[in-house]
């Protein structure tokens, strides 16, 4: 009896599952039909090709670099006795950074000085003897050579001793230190990285049409992307004579870092203000499909989108000059192009 009950319950469950699956299938079919109806026309936003004054002003982004940056290397050898400047310290040219053991150099200097003084006295004595024809001319020349040689040795010994006191070659800030007290130096040992950020260089790139609008010495408004909208005045100091492989030209802008808010490596934006204007056919930049090097747009006519190649001129911050491909008054898709193909039906969003 129990077996019969179990069989009946199982049949009821199977029937309920089958009914549910059938209902889901019908609902999915209905949804697909609705989707087909809705996808018949792709909703898009459009804009009109207009003839207007072209503002040639443009902006370019790049990175701030220090006006000076160097890695200081050791010119002497010996053990570090004292470290005077560390990472984060500001320094001026001539400030003492490190002191290296100098006993050996001091002894060499004392010996060189003694030899130089002796050679000088010998030369004076030989010159007096030569005046009375008491020595040969060859002996006098040898004395002169000895005096010059020992003087050169004295100068070299003095320089070696001076190099045990290592000083900053430029103004700046210690960005990194590579030695400590007790470190043994040899010639070429890396000591410090020093950067000067009193002024910074913003290095940006300009297109071939933009670079013709820039001159060395032009004033430029600069903002740091990480800043709070603070503006800085920059001056164009260098313009590349040759384009890079992407047909962009390097432009260097010098910026004073008076408030010390800028750091090397930050992203910055330069705004190039150009007063000259002229009439041009314009489209919003977002209406362009593909790259600026190979641009196209979708033109809407009688509810259908047609792809059309265009030729662009000047590209500004938010507008693109259209030289060929469309006419004033034509309707062009501004957004929604990602879903479009040639001949796709569209509905215009209000």
Protein backbone atom coordinates (compact mmCIF):
# COMPACT_ATOMS: atom_id res chain seq x y z
CA UNK A 1 0.00 0.00 0.00
CA UNK A 2 2.82 2.39 0.93
CA UNK A 3 4.53 1.58 -2.35
CA UNK A 4 1.44 2.63 -4.28
CA UNK A 5 1.27 5.93 -2.35
CA UNK A 6 4.93 6.70 -3.12
CA UNK A 7 4.31 6.06 -6.81
CA UNK A 8 1.28 8.37 -6.86
CA UNK A 9 3.23 11.17 -5.06
CA UNK A 10 6.11 10.84 -7.54
CA UNK A 11 3.75 11.10 -10.50
CA UNK A 12 2.17 14.22 -9.05
CA UNK A 13 5.58 15.86 -8.53
CA UNK A 14 6.67 15.00 -12.07
CA UNK A 15 3.46 16.45 -13.48
CA UNK A 16 3.97 19.69 -11.52
CA UNK A 17 7.58 20.01 -12.76
CA UNK A 18 6.49 19.42 -16.34
CA UNK A 19 3.78 22.05 -16.08
CA UNK A 20 6.26 24.56 -14.65
CA UNK A 21 8.79 23.93 -17.44
CA UNK A 22 6.10 24.37 -20.07
CA UNK A 23 5.01 27.68 -18.53
CA UNK A 24 8.63 28.95 -18.43
CA UNK A 25 9.13 28.01 -22.08
CA UNK A 26 6.02 29.95 -23.10
CA UNK A 27 7.16 32.98 -21.05
CA UNK A 28 10.65 32.90 -22.63
CA UNK A 29 9.13 32.75 -26.10
CA UNK A 30 6.92 35.75 -25.29
CA UNK A 31 9.92 37.72 -23.96
CA UNK A 32 11.95 36.91 -27.08
CA UNK A 33 9.10 38.14 -29.27
CA UNK A 34 8.96 41.41 -27.33
CA UNK A 35 12.75 41.77 -27.60
CA UNK A 36 12.54 41.27 -31.37
CA UNK A 37 9.96 43.99 -31.60
CA UNK A 38 11.99 46.37 -29.47
CA UNK A 39 15.29 45.66 -31.29
CA UNK A 40 13.74 46.47 -34.63
CA UNK A 41 14.89 50.11 -34.19
CA UNK A 42 18.00 51.05 -32.17
CA UNK A 43 17.50 54.14 -29.98
CA UNK A 44 20.18 56.80 -30.60
CA UNK A 45 20.88 60.43 -29.80
CA UNK A 46 21.59 62.62 -32.80
CA UNK A 47 23.22 65.96 -33.50
CA UNK A 48 23.24 68.25 -36.49
CA UNK A 49 26.27 69.22 -38.54
CA UNK A 50 26.68 72.95 -37.90
CA UNK A 51 28.74 75.73 -39.36
CA UNK A 52 30.28 77.80 -36.60
CA UNK A 53 33.39 79.62 -35.47
CA UNK A 54 36.23 77.21 -34.77
CA UNK A 55 38.05 77.86 -31.53
CA UNK A 56 41.58 76.65 -32.14
CA UNK A 57 42.39 76.57 -28.43
CA UNK A 58 43.33 73.09 -27.24
CA UNK A 59 44.72 71.20 -24.28
CA UNK A 60 47.38 68.53 -23.91
CA UNK A 61 48.30 66.23 -21.05
CA UNK A 62 51.64 64.96 -19.89
CA UNK A 63 53.92 64.39 -16.90
CA UNK A 64 55.85 66.84 -14.78
CA UNK A 65 59.62 66.26 -14.74
CA UNK A 66 62.22 68.00 -12.55
CA UNK A 67 64.16 70.89 -14.05
CA UNK A 68 67.33 69.12 -12.82
CA UNK A 69 67.88 65.55 -11.72
CA UNK A 70 71.09 63.62 -11.11
CA UNK A 71 72.57 60.57 -9.45
CA UNK A 72 75.66 61.60 -7.45
CA UNK A 73 78.57 59.15 -7.68
CA UNK A 74 81.67 58.89 -5.51
CA UNK A 75 84.94 60.28 -6.88
CA UNK A 76 87.00 58.95 -3.97
CA UNK A 77 87.50 55.79 -1.95
CA UNK A 78 87.37 55.09 1.76
CA UNK A 79 84.94 54.53 4.60
CA UNK A 80 82.00 56.89 5.25
CA UNK A 81 82.56 58.62 8.61
CA UNK A 82 79.58 60.99 8.71
CA UNK A 83 76.25 61.43 6.88
CA UNK A 84 74.95 65.01 6.98
CA UNK A 85 71.95 64.85 4.61
CA UNK A 86 69.31 62.17 4.26
CA UNK A 87 66.25 61.34 2.14
CA UNK A 88 63.77 64.23 2.03
CA UNK A 89 66.30 66.91 3.05
CA UNK A 90 66.54 70.04 0.94
CA UNK A 91 70.05 71.05 -0.10
CA UNK A 92 71.80 73.92 -1.83
CA UNK A 93 74.76 73.63 -4.16
CA UNK A 94 77.90 73.32 -1.99
CA UNK A 95 76.16 71.87 1.10
CA UNK A 96 78.16 69.08 2.79
CA UNK A 97 76.52 65.68 2.29
CA UNK A 98 79.09 63.08 3.41
CA UNK A 99 82.50 62.93 5.07
CA UNK A 100 84.85 60.11 4.05
CA UNK A 101 87.91 58.88 5.98
CA UNK A 102 90.79 61.14 4.91
CA UNK A 103 93.88 60.11 6.91
CA UNK A 104 95.61 58.55 3.92
CA UNK A 105 94.79 61.51 1.65
CA UNK A 106 96.01 63.96 4.30
CA UNK A 107 99.32 62.08 4.58
CA UNK A 108 99.69 62.06 0.78
CA UNK A 109 99.04 65.80 0.73
CA UNK A 110 101.69 66.46 3.38
CA UNK A 111 104.24 64.42 1.42
CA UNK A 112 103.37 66.17 -1.86
CA UNK A 113 103.64 69.57 -0.21
CA UNK A 114 107.09 68.74 1.21
CA UNK A 115 108.31 67.50 -2.17
CA UNK A 116 106.95 70.59 -3.93
CA UNK A 117 108.61 72.96 -1.47
CA UNK A 118 111.96 71.12 -1.80
CA UNK A 119 111.76 71.20 -5.61
CA UNK A 120 110.99 74.93 -5.50
CA UNK A 121 114.02 75.63 -3.29
CA UNK A 122 116.21 73.47 -5.53
CA UNK A 123 115.06 75.39 -8.59
CA UNK A 124 115.86 78.75 -6.94
CA UNK A 125 119.33 77.47 -6.05
CA UNK A 126 119.95 76.08 -9.53
CA UNK A 127 118.84 79.36 -11.11
CA UNK A 128 121.42 81.23 -8.98
CA UNK A 129 124.11 78.75 -9.98
CA UNK A 130 123.15 79.00 -13.63
CA UNK A 131 123.57 82.78 -13.46
CA UNK A 132 127.25 82.22 -12.60
CA UNK A 133 127.69 79.41 -15.14
CA UNK A 134 128.22 76.95 -12.26
CA UNK A 135 125.84 74.33 -13.73
CA UNK A 136 124.84 73.21 -17.16
CA UNK A 137 121.65 74.24 -18.93
CA UNK A 138 120.52 70.59 -18.79
CA UNK A 139 120.73 70.58 -14.98
CA UNK A 140 118.64 73.76 -14.83
CA UNK A 141 115.95 72.26 -17.10
CA UNK A 142 115.81 69.13 -14.95
CA UNK A 143 115.25 71.30 -11.87
CA UNK A 144 112.45 73.18 -13.61
CA UNK A 145 110.78 69.90 -14.64
CA UNK A 146 111.07 68.57 -11.08
CA UNK A 147 109.42 71.72 -9.74
CA UNK A 148 106.53 71.46 -12.21
CA UNK A 149 106.06 67.72 -11.54
CA UNK A 150 105.97 68.07 -7.76
CA UNK A 151 103.59 71.05 -8.01
CA UNK A 152 101.22 68.96 -10.16
CA UNK A 153 101.41 66.15 -7.60
CA UNK A 154 100.57 68.66 -4.86
CA UNK A 155 97.50 69.91 -6.75
CA UNK A 156 96.30 66.31 -7.34
CA UNK A 157 96.82 65.38 -3.67
CA UNK A 158 94.89 68.46 -2.56
CA UNK A 159 91.97 67.54 -4.89
CA UNK A 160 91.90 63.96 -3.59
CA UNK A 161 91.67 65.26 -0.03
CA UNK A 162 88.92 67.74 -0.97
CA UNK A 163 86.89 64.92 -2.54
CA UNK A 164 86.60 63.20 0.85
CA UNK A 165 84.17 66.00 1.75
CA UNK A 166 81.29 65.29 -0.66
CA UNK A 167 79.04 68.28 -1.40
CA UNK A 168 75.80 68.84 -3.32
CA UNK A 169 76.45 69.89 -6.93
CA UNK A 170 72.95 71.40 -7.40
CA UNK A 171 70.04 72.84 -5.43
CA UNK A 172 67.31 70.31 -4.80
CA UNK A 173 65.90 67.63 -2.57
CA UNK A 174 67.42 64.27 -1.62
CA UNK A 175 65.17 61.73 -3.31
CA UNK A 176 67.23 58.67 -2.30
CA UNK A 177 70.39 57.85 -0.31
CA UNK A 178 72.39 54.69 -1.02
CA UNK A 179 75.11 54.69 1.70
CA UNK A 180 75.39 54.77 5.48
CA UNK A 181 78.08 55.42 8.08
CA UNK A 182 80.62 52.63 7.72
CA UNK A 183 79.94 52.04 4.02
CA UNK A 184 83.13 51.65 1.99
CA UNK A 185 83.25 53.77 -1.13
CA UNK A 186 85.13 53.19 -4.31
CA UNK A 187 85.21 55.39 -7.38
CA UNK A 188 81.75 55.29 -9.02
CA UNK A 189 79.78 54.19 -5.93
CA UNK A 190 76.20 55.52 -6.07
CA UNK A 191 75.58 57.99 -3.24
CA UNK A 192 72.44 60.11 -3.72
CA UNK A 193 69.61 60.89 -6.13
CA UNK A 194 68.98 64.65 -6.08
CA UNK A 195 66.09 66.37 -7.85
CA UNK A 196 65.42 70.07 -8.23
CA UNK A 197 61.68 70.82 -8.28
CA UNK A 198 61.90 74.60 -7.80
CA UNK A 199 60.84 74.55 -11.43
CA UNK A 200 59.24 71.67 -13.31
CA UNK A 201 58.95 70.74 -16.96
CA UNK A 202 55.53 69.60 -18.18
CA UNK A 203 56.20 67.40 -21.20
CA UNK A 204 53.19 67.11 -23.53
CA UNK A 205 52.56 66.12 -27.14
CA UNK A 206 50.86 68.18 -29.85
CA UNK A 207 49.45 67.12 -33.22
CA UNK A 208 50.76 68.50 -36.51
CA UNK A 209 47.90 70.99 -36.69
CA UNK A 210 48.33 72.05 -33.05
CA UNK A 211 52.11 72.45 -33.10
CA UNK A 212 51.82 75.13 -35.81
CA UNK A 213 49.85 77.25 -33.32
CA UNK A 214 52.59 77.15 -30.65
CA UNK A 215 55.66 79.36 -30.38
CA UNK A 216 58.59 79.22 -28.02
CA UNK A 217 57.97 81.69 -25.19
CA UNK A 218 54.15 81.38 -25.30
CA UNK A 219 52.38 81.62 -21.92
CA UNK A 220 50.32 78.53 -21.07
CA UNK A 221 47.86 77.81 -18.25
CA UNK A 222 48.78 74.59 -16.43
CA UNK A 223 46.86 72.48 -13.91
CA UNK A 224 47.98 69.41 -11.98
CA UNK A 225 45.43 66.60 -12.29
CA UNK A 226 45.96 65.75 -8.60
CA UNK A 227 45.56 69.37 -7.47
CA UNK A 228 42.49 71.20 -6.25
CA UNK A 229 42.01 73.18 -9.44
CA UNK A 230 44.98 75.46 -8.76
CA UNK A 231 46.37 77.05 -11.90
CA UNK A 232 50.02 77.73 -12.71
CA UNK A 233 51.58 79.86 -15.41
CA UNK A 234 53.85 77.96 -17.75
CA UNK A 235 56.15 79.06 -20.55
CA UNK A 236 56.86 77.02 -23.67
CA UNK A 237 60.63 76.43 -23.63
CA UNK A 238 61.09 73.78 -26.34
CA UNK A 239 59.22 72.42 -29.36
CA UNK A 240 60.41 69.28 -31.15
CA UNK A 241 61.68 69.78 -34.68
CA UNK A 242 60.63 66.26 -35.66
CA UNK A 243 57.48 64.22 -34.94
CA UNK A 244 57.56 60.86 -33.17
CA UNK A 245 56.26 57.67 -34.86
CA UNK A 246 52.66 58.60 -33.88
CA UNK A 247 53.06 61.97 -35.70
CA UNK A 248 53.04 63.87 -32.41
CA UNK A 249 55.49 66.62 -31.47
CA UNK A 250 57.07 66.91 -28.01
CA UNK A 251 56.43 70.27 -26.34
CA UNK A 252 58.17 71.28 -23.10
CA UNK A 253 56.59 73.79 -20.71
CA UNK A 254 58.47 75.24 -17.75
CA UNK A 255 56.40 75.83 -14.60
CA UNK A 256 57.50 77.61 -11.41
CA UNK A 257 56.77 75.54 -8.30
CA UNK A 258 56.63 78.51 -5.92
CA UNK A 259 54.16 76.91 -3.49
CA UNK A 260 56.02 73.55 -3.62
CA UNK A 261 52.72 71.76 -4.37
CA UNK A 262 53.91 70.01 -7.52
CA UNK A 263 55.90 66.79 -7.64
CA UNK A 264 57.88 65.23 -10.45
CA UNK A 265 55.90 62.42 -12.07
CA UNK A 266 52.46 63.98 -11.52
CA UNK A 267 50.05 64.23 -14.44
CA UNK A 268 49.35 67.74 -15.67
CA UNK A 269 47.18 69.47 -18.26
CA UNK A 270 48.27 72.45 -20.36
CA UNK A 271 45.68 74.77 -21.89
CA UNK A 272 46.84 76.51 -25.06
CA UNK A 273 44.72 79.60 -25.72
CA UNK A 274 44.58 80.54 -29.40
CA UNK A 275 42.77 83.77 -30.33
CA UNK A 276 42.45 83.14 -34.08
CA UNK A 277 39.03 81.80 -35.20
CA UNK A 278 37.46 80.90 -38.56
CA UNK A 279 34.26 79.38 -39.97
CA UNK A 280 34.18 75.60 -40.04
CA UNK A 281 31.79 72.61 -40.11
CA UNK A 282 31.81 71.13 -36.62
CA UNK A 283 30.66 67.97 -34.90
CA UNK A 284 30.94 66.90 -31.25
CA UNK A 285 33.99 64.73 -30.75
CA UNK A 286 31.91 61.81 -29.45
CA UNK A 287 30.11 61.56 -32.80
CA UNK A 288 33.30 60.25 -34.41
CA UNK A 289 33.48 56.47 -34.83
CA UNK A 290 36.97 54.94 -34.80
CA UNK A 291 40.20 56.89 -34.50
CA UNK A 292 40.93 60.43 -35.61
CA UNK A 293 43.34 58.92 -38.17
CA UNK A 294 40.54 56.82 -39.75
CA UNK A 295 37.28 58.54 -38.76
CA UNK A 296 33.69 57.88 -39.79
CA UNK A 297 30.19 58.82 -38.63
CA UNK A 298 26.65 57.43 -38.87
CA UNK A 299 24.31 59.72 -40.80
CA UNK A 300 20.55 59.25 -40.13
CA UNK A 301 18.19 59.54 -43.10
CA UNK A 302 14.55 58.36 -43.04
CA UNK A 303 15.12 56.40 -39.83
CA UNK A 304 18.13 54.48 -41.17
CA UNK A 305 21.77 54.89 -40.12
CA UNK A 306 24.39 54.89 -42.86
CA UNK A 307 28.12 54.79 -42.17
CA UNK A 308 30.10 57.49 -43.90
CA UNK A 309 33.84 58.17 -44.00
CA UNK A 310 34.82 61.74 -43.14
CA UNK A 311 37.97 63.82 -43.27
CA UNK A 312 38.76 65.84 -40.15
CA UNK A 313 40.76 69.01 -39.66
CA UNK A 314 41.45 70.69 -36.34
CA UNK A 315 40.50 68.70 -33.23
CA UNK A 316 39.73 70.80 -30.16
CA UNK A 317 38.78 69.83 -26.63
CA UNK A 318 35.17 68.88 -27.52
CA UNK A 319 34.73 69.63 -31.23
CA UNK A 320 36.04 68.18 -34.48
CA UNK A 321 36.31 70.11 -37.72
CA UNK A 322 34.83 68.15 -40.65
CA UNK A 323 36.46 68.90 -44.00
CA UNK A 324 34.71 66.28 -46.17
CA UNK A 325 32.01 63.61 -45.86
CA UNK A 326 28.96 65.43 -44.49
CA UNK A 327 27.05 68.65 -45.16
CA UNK A 328 25.61 71.29 -42.81
CA UNK A 329 22.16 70.31 -41.57
CA UNK A 330 22.62 66.52 -41.84
CA UNK A 331 21.66 64.44 -38.83
CA UNK A 332 24.56 62.49 -37.30
CA UNK A 333 24.45 59.94 -34.47
CA UNK A 334 26.02 61.40 -31.35
CA UNK A 335 25.65 58.41 -29.00
CA UNK A 336 24.53 54.82 -29.43
CA UNK A 337 26.89 54.04 -32.34
CA UNK A 338 28.19 50.91 -30.63
CA UNK A 339 25.00 49.04 -31.62
CA UNK A 340 24.86 50.27 -35.21
CA UNK A 341 25.75 48.69 -38.52
CA UNK A 342 25.27 49.94 -42.07
CA UNK A 343 21.53 50.23 -42.75
CA UNK A 344 20.40 49.71 -39.15
CA UNK A 345 16.97 51.18 -38.34
CA UNK A 346 17.11 53.77 -35.57
CA UNK A 347 14.73 55.65 -33.33
CA UNK A 348 15.72 59.12 -32.23
CA UNK A 349 15.73 59.75 -28.50
CA UNK A 350 13.97 62.96 -27.55
